[in-house]
């Protein structure tokens, strides 16, 4: 005589499987619901929309030394790079920040020309050193640091 083997009831296994799927689905829905309780997640807060470029004096010196503006990827998504430019001799004034692309889709990047001190885009359009004609972002000096407002609706430069 051998060891008895318990036979499983296929109905019992089916019920346990269905209960597992239902519980798993409810857990996923609970997590998704809890994640949506924070409100409108598409809104960027003002603190995240501000980009601290660093000490204005140091950044102006680097631009003057290298004879080239600073280029940064979009600090929020990386999809919209920006150019930070300084003209003049006073590091507290003469700042401009603007889109590093000339089209709304971000696919036509601008190129800096050190010899002529201007930009051109993928279509050959020229832009002056201060980025006039490209989407501007406001700048300001706060405690000697250069701050760029990356709000997509921002359109004036304050320094």
C-alpha atoms as a PDB file:
ATOM      1  CA  UNK A   1       0.000   0.000   0.000  1.00  0.00           C
ATOM      2  CA  UNK A   2       1.390   3.356  -0.968  1.00  0.00           C
ATOM      3  CA  UNK A   3       1.115   6.821   0.346  1.00  0.00           C
ATOM      4  CA  UNK A   4      -2.337   8.278  -0.308  1.00  0.00           C
ATOM      5  CA  UNK A   5      -2.391  11.152  -2.806  1.00  0.00           C
ATOM      6  CA  UNK A   6      -4.973  13.841  -2.294  1.00  0.00           C
ATOM      7  CA  UNK A   7      -6.987  14.647  -5.326  1.00  0.00           C
ATOM      8  CA  UNK A   8      -7.614  18.329  -6.018  1.00  0.00           C
ATOM      9  CA  UNK A   9     -11.016  19.576  -6.936  1.00  0.00           C
ATOM     10  CA  UNK A  10     -10.801  21.515 -10.245  1.00  0.00           C
ATOM     11  CA  UNK A  11     -13.681  23.743  -9.170  1.00  0.00           C
ATOM     12  CA  UNK A  12     -11.767  24.753  -6.045  1.00  0.00           C
ATOM     13  CA  UNK A  13      -8.644  25.627  -8.090  1.00  0.00           C
ATOM     14  CA  UNK A  14     -10.737  27.687 -10.516  1.00  0.00           C
ATOM     15  CA  UNK A  15     -12.387  29.633  -7.678  1.00  0.00           C
ATOM     16  CA  UNK A  16      -9.009  30.374  -6.047  1.00  0.00           C
ATOM     17  CA  UNK A  17      -7.641  31.577  -9.416  1.00  0.00           C
ATOM     18  CA  UNK A  18     -10.619  33.867 -10.038  1.00  0.00           C
ATOM     19  CA  UNK A  19     -10.414  35.316  -6.522  1.00  0.00           C
ATOM     20  CA  UNK A  20      -6.688  36.000  -7.065  1.00  0.00           C
ATOM     21  CA  UNK A  21      -7.332  37.862 -10.319  1.00  0.00           C
ATOM     22  CA  UNK A  22     -10.136  39.927  -8.747  1.00  0.00           C
ATOM     23  CA  UNK A  23      -8.010  40.858  -5.712  1.00  0.00           C
ATOM     24  CA  UNK A  24      -5.065  41.789  -7.964  1.00  0.00           C
ATOM     25  CA  UNK A  25      -7.275  43.969 -10.157  1.00  0.00           C
ATOM     26  CA  UNK A  26      -8.736  45.728  -7.119  1.00  0.00           C
ATOM     27  CA  UNK A  27      -5.227  46.414  -5.784  1.00  0.00           C
ATOM     28  CA  UNK A  28      -4.144  47.955  -9.097  1.00  0.00           C
ATOM     29  CA  UNK A  29      -7.267  50.141  -9.203  1.00  0.00           C
ATOM     30  CA  UNK A  30      -6.652  51.255  -5.594  1.00  0.00           C
ATOM     31  CA  UNK A  31      -3.088  52.315  -6.436  1.00  0.00           C
ATOM     32  CA  UNK A  32      -4.211  54.214  -9.527  1.00  0.00           C
ATOM     33  CA  UNK A  33      -7.008  55.930  -7.599  1.00  0.00           C
ATOM     34  CA  UNK A  34      -4.656  56.903  -4.747  1.00  0.00           C
ATOM     35  CA  UNK A  35      -2.208  58.380  -7.263  1.00  0.00           C
ATOM     36  CA  UNK A  36      -4.895  60.617  -8.737  1.00  0.00           C
ATOM     37  CA  UNK A  37      -5.884  62.126  -5.373  1.00  0.00           C
ATOM     38  CA  UNK A  38      -3.082  64.726  -5.542  1.00  0.00           C
ATOM     39  CA  UNK A  39      -5.062  66.830  -8.006  1.00  0.00           C
ATOM     40  CA  UNK A  40      -3.892  68.125 -11.380  1.00  0.00           C
ATOM     41  CA  UNK A  41      -0.494  66.521 -11.923  1.00  0.00           C
ATOM     42  CA  UNK A  42       0.004  68.331 -15.253  1.00  0.00           C
ATOM     43  CA  UNK A  43       0.598  71.644 -13.478  1.00  0.00           C
ATOM     44  CA  UNK A  44       4.242  72.533 -12.859  1.00  0.00           C
ATOM     45  CA  UNK A  45       4.836  74.355  -9.606  1.00  0.00           C
ATOM     46  CA  UNK A  46       6.676  77.628  -9.688  1.00  0.00           C
ATOM     47  CA  UNK A  47       9.644  76.280  -7.729  1.00  0.00           C
ATOM     48  CA  UNK A  48      10.207  73.569 -10.351  1.00  0.00           C
ATOM     49  CA  UNK A  49       9.853  76.079 -13.188  1.00  0.00           C
ATOM     50  CA  UNK A  50      12.781  78.152 -11.886  1.00  0.00           C
ATOM     51  CA  UNK A  51      16.278  77.155 -13.017  1.00  0.00           C
ATOM     52  CA  UNK A  52      19.230  78.364 -10.923  1.00  0.00           C
ATOM     53  CA  UNK A  53      22.057  78.724 -13.443  1.00  0.00           C
ATOM     54  CA  UNK A  54      24.552  79.577 -10.689  1.00  0.00           C
ATOM     55  CA  UNK A  55      26.626  82.610  -9.741  1.00  0.00           C
ATOM     56  CA  UNK A  56      26.000  85.313 -12.354  1.00  0.00           C
ATOM     57  CA  UNK A  57      29.581  86.608 -12.108  1.00  0.00           C
ATOM     58  CA  UNK A  58      31.049  83.140 -12.798  1.00  0.00           C
ATOM     59  CA  UNK A  59      28.649  82.405 -15.662  1.00  0.00           C
ATOM     60  CA  UNK A  60      29.319  85.803 -17.299  1.00  0.00           C
ATOM     61  CA  UNK A  61      33.068  85.185 -17.016  1.00  0.00           C
ATOM     62  CA  UNK A  62      32.722  81.733 -18.634  1.00  0.00           C
ATOM     63  CA  UNK A  63      30.670  83.129 -21.528  1.00  0.00           C
ATOM     64  CA  UNK A  64      33.188  85.943 -22.048  1.00  0.00           C
ATOM     65  CA  UNK A  65      36.206  83.599 -21.799  1.00  0.00           C
ATOM     66  CA  UNK A  66      34.787  80.933 -24.142  1.00  0.00           C
ATOM     67  CA  UNK A  67      32.983  83.417 -26.413  1.00  0.00           C
ATOM     68  CA  UNK A  68      30.024  81.078 -26.445  1.00  0.00           C
ATOM     69  CA  UNK A  69      26.681  81.051 -24.594  1.00  0.00           C
ATOM     70  CA  UNK A  70      25.652  78.349 -22.136  1.00  0.00           C
ATOM     71  CA  UNK A  71      23.337  75.632 -23.449  1.00  0.00           C
ATOM     72  CA  UNK A  72      21.275  73.465 -21.092  1.00  0.00           C
ATOM     73  CA  UNK A  73      18.782  70.667 -21.634  1.00  0.00           C
ATOM     74  CA  UNK A  74      15.296  71.457 -20.358  1.00  0.00           C
ATOM     75  CA  UNK A  75      15.645  70.855 -16.627  1.00  0.00           C
ATOM     76  CA  UNK A  76      12.115  69.481 -16.378  1.00  0.00           C
ATOM     77  CA  UNK A  77      11.944  66.988 -19.252  1.00  0.00           C
ATOM     78  CA  UNK A  78      15.119  67.345 -21.283  1.00  0.00           C
ATOM     79  CA  UNK A  79      12.984  67.899 -24.382  1.00  0.00           C
ATOM     80  CA  UNK A  80      13.340  71.696 -24.665  1.00  0.00           C
ATOM     81  CA  UNK A  81      16.952  72.887 -24.421  1.00  0.00           C
ATOM     82  CA  UNK A  82      17.646  76.516 -23.574  1.00  0.00           C
ATOM     83  CA  UNK A  83      20.438  78.984 -24.290  1.00  0.00           C
ATOM     84  CA  UNK A  84      21.659  81.372 -21.603  1.00  0.00           C
ATOM     85  CA  UNK A  85      23.546  84.367 -23.007  1.00  0.00           C
ATOM     86  CA  UNK A  86      25.281  87.367 -21.455  1.00  0.00           C
ATOM     87  CA  UNK A  87      26.158  90.564 -23.287  1.00  0.00           C
ATOM     88  CA  UNK A  88      27.944  93.537 -21.780  1.00  0.00           C
ATOM     89  CA  UNK A  89      30.438  93.839 -18.949  1.00  0.00           C
ATOM     90  CA  UNK A  90      28.164  93.947 -15.871  1.00  0.00           C
ATOM     91  CA  UNK A  91      27.276  90.419 -14.624  1.00  0.00           C
ATOM     92  CA  UNK A  92      24.117  91.796 -12.962  1.00  0.00           C
ATOM     93  CA  UNK A  93      22.604  92.937 -16.281  1.00  0.00           C
ATOM     94  CA  UNK A  94      22.627  91.901 -19.937  1.00  0.00           C
ATOM     95  CA  UNK A  95      21.248  88.389 -19.458  1.00  0.00           C
ATOM     96  CA  UNK A  96      18.953  86.618 -21.897  1.00  0.00           C
ATOM     97  CA  UNK A  97      17.622  83.074 -21.942  1.00  0.00           C
ATOM     98  CA  UNK A  98      15.737  81.572 -24.850  1.00  0.00           C
ATOM     99  CA  UNK A  99      14.753  78.346 -26.580  1.00  0.00           C
ATOM    100  CA  UNK A 100      17.618  76.522 -28.307  1.00  0.00           C
ATOM    101  CA  UNK A 101      15.214  75.521 -31.081  1.00  0.00           C
ATOM    102  CA  UNK A 102      13.362  77.716 -33.539  1.00  0.00           C
ATOM    103  CA  UNK A 103      10.261  75.564 -34.038  1.00  0.00           C
ATOM    104  CA  UNK A 104       7.410  74.609 -31.719  1.00  0.00           C
ATOM    105  CA  UNK A 105       8.271  70.912 -31.910  1.00  0.00           C
ATOM    106  CA  UNK A 106      11.841  71.406 -30.670  1.00  0.00           C
ATOM    107  CA  UNK A 107      13.363  69.745 -33.733  1.00  0.00           C
ATOM    108  CA  UNK A 108      15.154  72.684 -35.397  1.00  0.00           C
ATOM    109  CA  UNK A 109      18.115  73.403 -33.124  1.00  0.00           C
ATOM    110  CA  UNK A 110      20.073  76.632 -33.300  1.00  0.00           C
ATOM    111  CA  UNK A 111      23.851  76.667 -33.742  1.00  0.00           C
ATOM    112  CA  UNK A 112      26.155  79.321 -32.268  1.00  0.00           C
ATOM    113  CA  UNK A 113      28.680  80.956 -34.616  1.00  0.00           C
ATOM    114  CA  UNK A 114      31.615  82.247 -32.562  1.00  0.00           C
ATOM    115  CA  UNK A 115      33.082  84.274 -35.442  1.00  0.00           C
ATOM    116  CA  UNK A 116      29.933  86.243 -36.255  1.00  0.00           C
ATOM    117  CA  UNK A 117      28.426  86.143 -32.731  1.00  0.00           C
ATOM    118  CA  UNK A 118      25.024  84.955 -33.904  1.00  0.00           C
ATOM    119  CA  UNK A 119      22.921  81.810 -34.258  1.00  0.00           C
ATOM    120  CA  UNK A 120      21.454  79.965 -37.216  1.00  0.00           C
ATOM    121  CA  UNK A 121      18.806  77.263 -37.273  1.00  0.00           C
ATOM    122  CA  UNK A 122      18.286  74.181 -39.443  1.00  0.00           C
ATOM    123  CA  UNK A 123      16.648  76.339 -42.141  1.00  0.00           C
ATOM    124  CA  UNK A 124      19.517  78.838 -42.287  1.00  0.00           C
ATOM    125  CA  UNK A 125      17.624  81.604 -40.480  1.00  0.00           C
ATOM    126  CA  UNK A 126      19.962  83.859 -38.493  1.00  0.00           C
ATOM    127  CA  UNK A 127      19.295  85.122 -34.960  1.00  0.00           C
ATOM    128  CA  UNK A 128      21.304  87.755 -33.036  1.00  0.00           C
ATOM    129  CA  UNK A 129      23.429  86.876 -29.989  1.00  0.00           C
ATOM    130  CA  UNK A 130      20.633  87.854 -27.582  1.00  0.00           C
ATOM    131  CA  UNK A 131      18.270  85.316 -29.195  1.00  0.00           C
ATOM    132  CA  UNK A 132      15.773  87.861 -30.500  1.00  0.00           C
ATOM    133  CA  UNK A 133      13.217  85.940 -32.553  1.00  0.00           C
ATOM    134  CA  UNK A 134      13.456  82.785 -30.421  1.00  0.00           C
ATOM    135  CA  UNK A 135      11.121  82.015 -27.511  1.00  0.00           C
ATOM    136  CA  UNK A 136      12.485  84.048 -24.552  1.00  0.00           C
ATOM    137  CA  UNK A 137      12.492  83.093 -20.875  1.00  0.00           C
ATOM    138  CA  UNK A 138      12.682  85.749 -18.136  1.00  0.00           C
ATOM    139  CA  UNK A 139      15.901  86.037 -16.145  1.00  0.00           C
ATOM    140  CA  UNK A 140      16.669  87.694 -12.840  1.00  0.00           C
ATOM    141  CA  UNK A 141      19.532  87.940 -10.369  1.00  0.00           C
ATOM    142  CA  UNK A 142      18.684  86.612  -6.895  1.00  0.00           C
ATOM    143  CA  UNK A 143      21.416  86.689  -4.237  1.00  0.00           C
ATOM    144  CA  UNK A 144      24.038  86.981  -7.017  1.00  0.00           C
ATOM    145  CA  UNK A 145      22.684  83.835  -8.744  1.00  0.00           C
ATOM    146  CA  UNK A 146      21.171  83.907 -12.220  1.00  0.00           C
ATOM    147  CA  UNK A 147      17.629  82.477 -12.236  1.00  0.00           C
ATOM    148  CA  UNK A 148      15.737  81.539 -15.421  1.00  0.00           C
ATOM    149  CA  UNK A 149      11.948  81.196 -15.318  1.00  0.00           C
ATOM    150  CA  UNK A 150      11.147  78.134 -17.456  1.00  0.00           C
ATOM    151  CA  UNK A 151       7.388  78.611 -17.361  1.00  0.00           C
ATOM    152  CA  UNK A 152       6.271  77.878 -20.952  1.00  0.00           C
ATOM    153  CA  UNK A 153       4.076  80.984 -20.889  1.00  0.00           C
ATOM    154  CA  UNK A 154       6.853  83.276 -19.667  1.00  0.00           C
ATOM    155  CA  UNK A 155       7.995  85.607 -22.407  1.00  0.00           C
ATOM    156  CA  UNK A 156       9.862  88.606 -21.051  1.00  0.00           C
ATOM    157  CA  UNK A 157      13.393  89.049 -19.784  1.00  0.00           C
ATOM    158  CA  UNK A 158      13.814  91.120 -16.675  1.00  0.00           C
ATOM    159  CA  UNK A 159      17.589  91.574 -16.572  1.00  0.00           C
END
